[in-house]
């Protein structure tokens, strides 16, 4: 049995999210939430919300024991990129890529 939660179209690049996902992979859900609470990144706040949502899904939808939950999978995949432009030197235009990501968590119960 597993519980999932996904936050889509989050306005932070996956390159900035992936080191934060590595912090909590394989940890207990309560320990992962404690780590993210004291990590000073925007991505940590996003991932904290996703994990707490997955914990709520496990408790309410799947009748799983919250104390036994651990993070079995966590990912930050590439979402759509907004393309903007800014005036460059000598009449040129330089592009600005505003990247987004899809952040997901899968929780499972320890045996």
C-alpha atoms as a PDB file:
ATOM      1  CA  UNK A   1       0.000   0.000   0.000  1.00  0.00           C
ATOM      2  CA  UNK A   2       1.296   3.460  -0.855  1.00  0.00           C
ATOM      3  CA  UNK A   3       0.132   7.060  -0.609  1.00  0.00           C
ATOM      4  CA  UNK A   4       1.026   9.719  -3.167  1.00  0.00           C
ATOM      5  CA  UNK A   5       0.918  13.490  -3.478  1.00  0.00           C
ATOM      6  CA  UNK A   6       2.033  15.652  -6.409  1.00  0.00           C
ATOM      7  CA  UNK A   7       2.385  19.419  -6.700  1.00  0.00           C
ATOM      8  CA  UNK A   8       2.375  20.432 -10.344  1.00  0.00           C
ATOM      9  CA  UNK A   9       3.574  23.609 -12.063  1.00  0.00           C
ATOM     10  CA  UNK A  10       5.621  24.817  -9.086  1.00  0.00           C
ATOM     11  CA  UNK A  11       7.596  27.918 -10.092  1.00  0.00           C
ATOM     12  CA  UNK A  12      11.029  26.673  -9.073  1.00  0.00           C
ATOM     13  CA  UNK A  13      13.488  24.932 -11.355  1.00  0.00           C
ATOM     14  CA  UNK A  14      14.045  21.190 -10.915  1.00  0.00           C
ATOM     15  CA  UNK A  15      17.781  21.873 -10.654  1.00  0.00           C
ATOM     16  CA  UNK A  16      17.142  23.751  -7.404  1.00  0.00           C
ATOM     17  CA  UNK A  17      14.645  21.152  -6.134  1.00  0.00           C
ATOM     18  CA  UNK A  18      16.721  17.995  -6.627  1.00  0.00           C
ATOM     19  CA  UNK A  19      19.281  18.597  -3.818  1.00  0.00           C
ATOM     20  CA  UNK A  20      16.368  19.115  -1.418  1.00  0.00           C
ATOM     21  CA  UNK A  21      14.682  15.894  -2.530  1.00  0.00           C
ATOM     22  CA  UNK A  22      17.953  14.045  -1.851  1.00  0.00           C
ATOM     23  CA  UNK A  23      17.828  15.231   1.780  1.00  0.00           C
ATOM     24  CA  UNK A  24      14.613  13.316   2.566  1.00  0.00           C
ATOM     25  CA  UNK A  25      14.752  10.243   0.303  1.00  0.00           C
ATOM     26  CA  UNK A  26      14.390   7.069   2.409  1.00  0.00           C
ATOM     27  CA  UNK A  27      13.736   8.913   5.703  1.00  0.00           C
ATOM     28  CA  UNK A  28      10.711   8.499   7.983  1.00  0.00           C
ATOM     29  CA  UNK A  29       7.912  10.949   7.175  1.00  0.00           C
ATOM     30  CA  UNK A  30       8.144  12.758  10.528  1.00  0.00           C
ATOM     31  CA  UNK A  31      11.943  13.009  10.241  1.00  0.00           C
ATOM     32  CA  UNK A  32      11.652  14.324   6.671  1.00  0.00           C
ATOM     33  CA  UNK A  33       9.202  17.019   7.783  1.00  0.00           C
ATOM     34  CA  UNK A  34      11.570  18.028  10.605  1.00  0.00           C
ATOM     35  CA  UNK A  35      14.522  18.283   8.198  1.00  0.00           C
ATOM     36  CA  UNK A  36      12.547  20.401   5.730  1.00  0.00           C
ATOM     37  CA  UNK A  37      11.213  22.691   8.443  1.00  0.00           C
ATOM     38  CA  UNK A  38      14.761  23.884   9.194  1.00  0.00           C
ATOM     39  CA  UNK A  39      16.041  23.977   5.607  1.00  0.00           C
ATOM     40  CA  UNK A  40      16.064  27.624   4.436  1.00  0.00           C
ATOM     41  CA  UNK A  41      15.026  27.124   0.792  1.00  0.00           C
ATOM     42  CA  UNK A  42      11.855  27.886  -1.121  1.00  0.00           C
ATOM     43  CA  UNK A  43      11.900  24.315  -2.405  1.00  0.00           C
ATOM     44  CA  UNK A  44      11.959  22.942   1.148  1.00  0.00           C
ATOM     45  CA  UNK A  45       8.685  24.702   1.924  1.00  0.00           C
ATOM     46  CA  UNK A  46       7.095  23.270  -1.237  1.00  0.00           C
ATOM     47  CA  UNK A  47       8.317  19.734  -0.497  1.00  0.00           C
ATOM     48  CA  UNK A  48       7.150  20.022   3.114  1.00  0.00           C
ATOM     49  CA  UNK A  49       3.619  20.773   1.897  1.00  0.00           C
ATOM     50  CA  UNK A  50       3.701  17.834  -0.519  1.00  0.00           C
ATOM     51  CA  UNK A  51       4.895  15.387   2.155  1.00  0.00           C
ATOM     52  CA  UNK A  52       2.289  16.562   4.667  1.00  0.00           C
ATOM     53  CA  UNK A  53      -0.363  16.151   1.966  1.00  0.00           C
ATOM     54  CA  UNK A  54       0.847  12.606   1.279  1.00  0.00           C
ATOM     55  CA  UNK A  55       0.719  11.838   5.019  1.00  0.00           C
ATOM     56  CA  UNK A  56      -2.872  13.114   5.141  1.00  0.00           C
ATOM     57  CA  UNK A  57      -3.742  10.986   2.090  1.00  0.00           C
ATOM     58  CA  UNK A  58      -2.229   7.911   3.753  1.00  0.00           C
ATOM     59  CA  UNK A  59      -4.120   8.496   6.983  1.00  0.00           C
ATOM     60  CA  UNK A  60      -7.520   9.447   5.571  1.00  0.00           C
ATOM     61  CA  UNK A  61      -7.769   7.577   2.267  1.00  0.00           C
ATOM     62  CA  UNK A  62      -5.736   4.412   2.869  1.00  0.00           C
ATOM     63  CA  UNK A  63      -6.025   3.916   6.692  1.00  0.00           C
ATOM     64  CA  UNK A  64      -2.244   3.631   7.069  1.00  0.00           C
ATOM     65  CA  UNK A  65      -0.331   4.059  10.351  1.00  0.00           C
ATOM     66  CA  UNK A  66       1.319   7.502  10.327  1.00  0.00           C
ATOM     67  CA  UNK A  67       4.178   6.418  12.628  1.00  0.00           C
ATOM     68  CA  UNK A  68       5.323   3.700  10.191  1.00  0.00           C
ATOM     69  CA  UNK A  69       5.388   5.868   7.033  1.00  0.00           C
ATOM     70  CA  UNK A  70       8.632   6.537   5.174  1.00  0.00           C
ATOM     71  CA  UNK A  71       9.514   8.351   1.955  1.00  0.00           C
ATOM     72  CA  UNK A  72      10.005   5.602  -0.628  1.00  0.00           C
ATOM     73  CA  UNK A  73      10.071   7.870  -3.702  1.00  0.00           C
ATOM     74  CA  UNK A  74      10.516  11.594  -4.138  1.00  0.00           C
ATOM     75  CA  UNK A  75      11.020  13.389  -7.437  1.00  0.00           C
ATOM     76  CA  UNK A  76      11.203  16.838  -8.998  1.00  0.00           C
ATOM     77  CA  UNK A  77      10.561  16.547 -12.725  1.00  0.00           C
ATOM     78  CA  UNK A  78      10.728  19.263 -15.373  1.00  0.00           C
ATOM     79  CA  UNK A  79       7.484  21.140 -15.962  1.00  0.00           C
ATOM     80  CA  UNK A  80       6.684  23.604 -18.722  1.00  0.00           C
ATOM     81  CA  UNK A  81       9.065  26.528 -19.261  1.00  0.00           C
ATOM     82  CA  UNK A  82       7.774  30.076 -19.674  1.00  0.00           C
ATOM     83  CA  UNK A  83       9.810  31.933 -22.272  1.00  0.00           C
ATOM     84  CA  UNK A  84      10.307  35.664 -21.775  1.00  0.00           C
ATOM     85  CA  UNK A  85      12.690  38.134 -23.356  1.00  0.00           C
ATOM     86  CA  UNK A  86      14.712  41.089 -22.227  1.00  0.00           C
ATOM     87  CA  UNK A  87      16.293  43.809 -24.287  1.00  0.00           C
ATOM     88  CA  UNK A  88      19.956  43.083 -24.918  1.00  0.00           C
ATOM     89  CA  UNK A  89      22.821  45.168 -26.135  1.00  0.00           C
ATOM     90  CA  UNK A  90      22.958  46.563 -29.687  1.00  0.00           C
ATOM     91  CA  UNK A  91      19.253  46.018 -30.331  1.00  0.00           C
ATOM     92  CA  UNK A  92      19.306  42.306 -29.584  1.00  0.00           C
ATOM     93  CA  UNK A  93      16.879  40.363 -27.455  1.00  0.00           C
ATOM     94  CA  UNK A  94      18.079  37.848 -24.882  1.00  0.00           C
ATOM     95  CA  UNK A  95      15.756  35.109 -23.689  1.00  0.00           C
ATOM     96  CA  UNK A  96      14.817  34.389 -20.095  1.00  0.00           C
ATOM     97  CA  UNK A  97      13.638  30.862 -19.293  1.00  0.00           C
ATOM     98  CA  UNK A  98      11.336  30.666 -16.258  1.00  0.00           C
ATOM     99  CA  UNK A  99      11.381  26.985 -15.425  1.00  0.00           C
ATOM    100  CA  UNK A 100       8.795  25.075 -13.427  1.00  0.00           C
ATOM    101  CA  UNK A 101       8.701  21.611 -11.927  1.00  0.00           C
ATOM    102  CA  UNK A 102       6.350  18.846 -10.824  1.00  0.00           C
ATOM    103  CA  UNK A 103       7.197  17.693  -7.289  1.00  0.00           C
ATOM    104  CA  UNK A 104       5.927  14.317  -6.101  1.00  0.00           C
ATOM    105  CA  UNK A 105       6.208  12.041  -3.081  1.00  0.00           C
ATOM    106  CA  UNK A 106       5.301   8.377  -2.525  1.00  0.00           C
ATOM    107  CA  UNK A 107       4.999   7.140   1.061  1.00  0.00           C
ATOM    108  CA  UNK A 108       4.953   3.491   2.137  1.00  0.00           C
ATOM    109  CA  UNK A 109       4.565   1.706   5.471  1.00  0.00           C
ATOM    110  CA  UNK A 110       7.531  -0.026   7.067  1.00  0.00           C
ATOM    111  CA  UNK A 111       6.945  -3.726   7.624  1.00  0.00           C
END
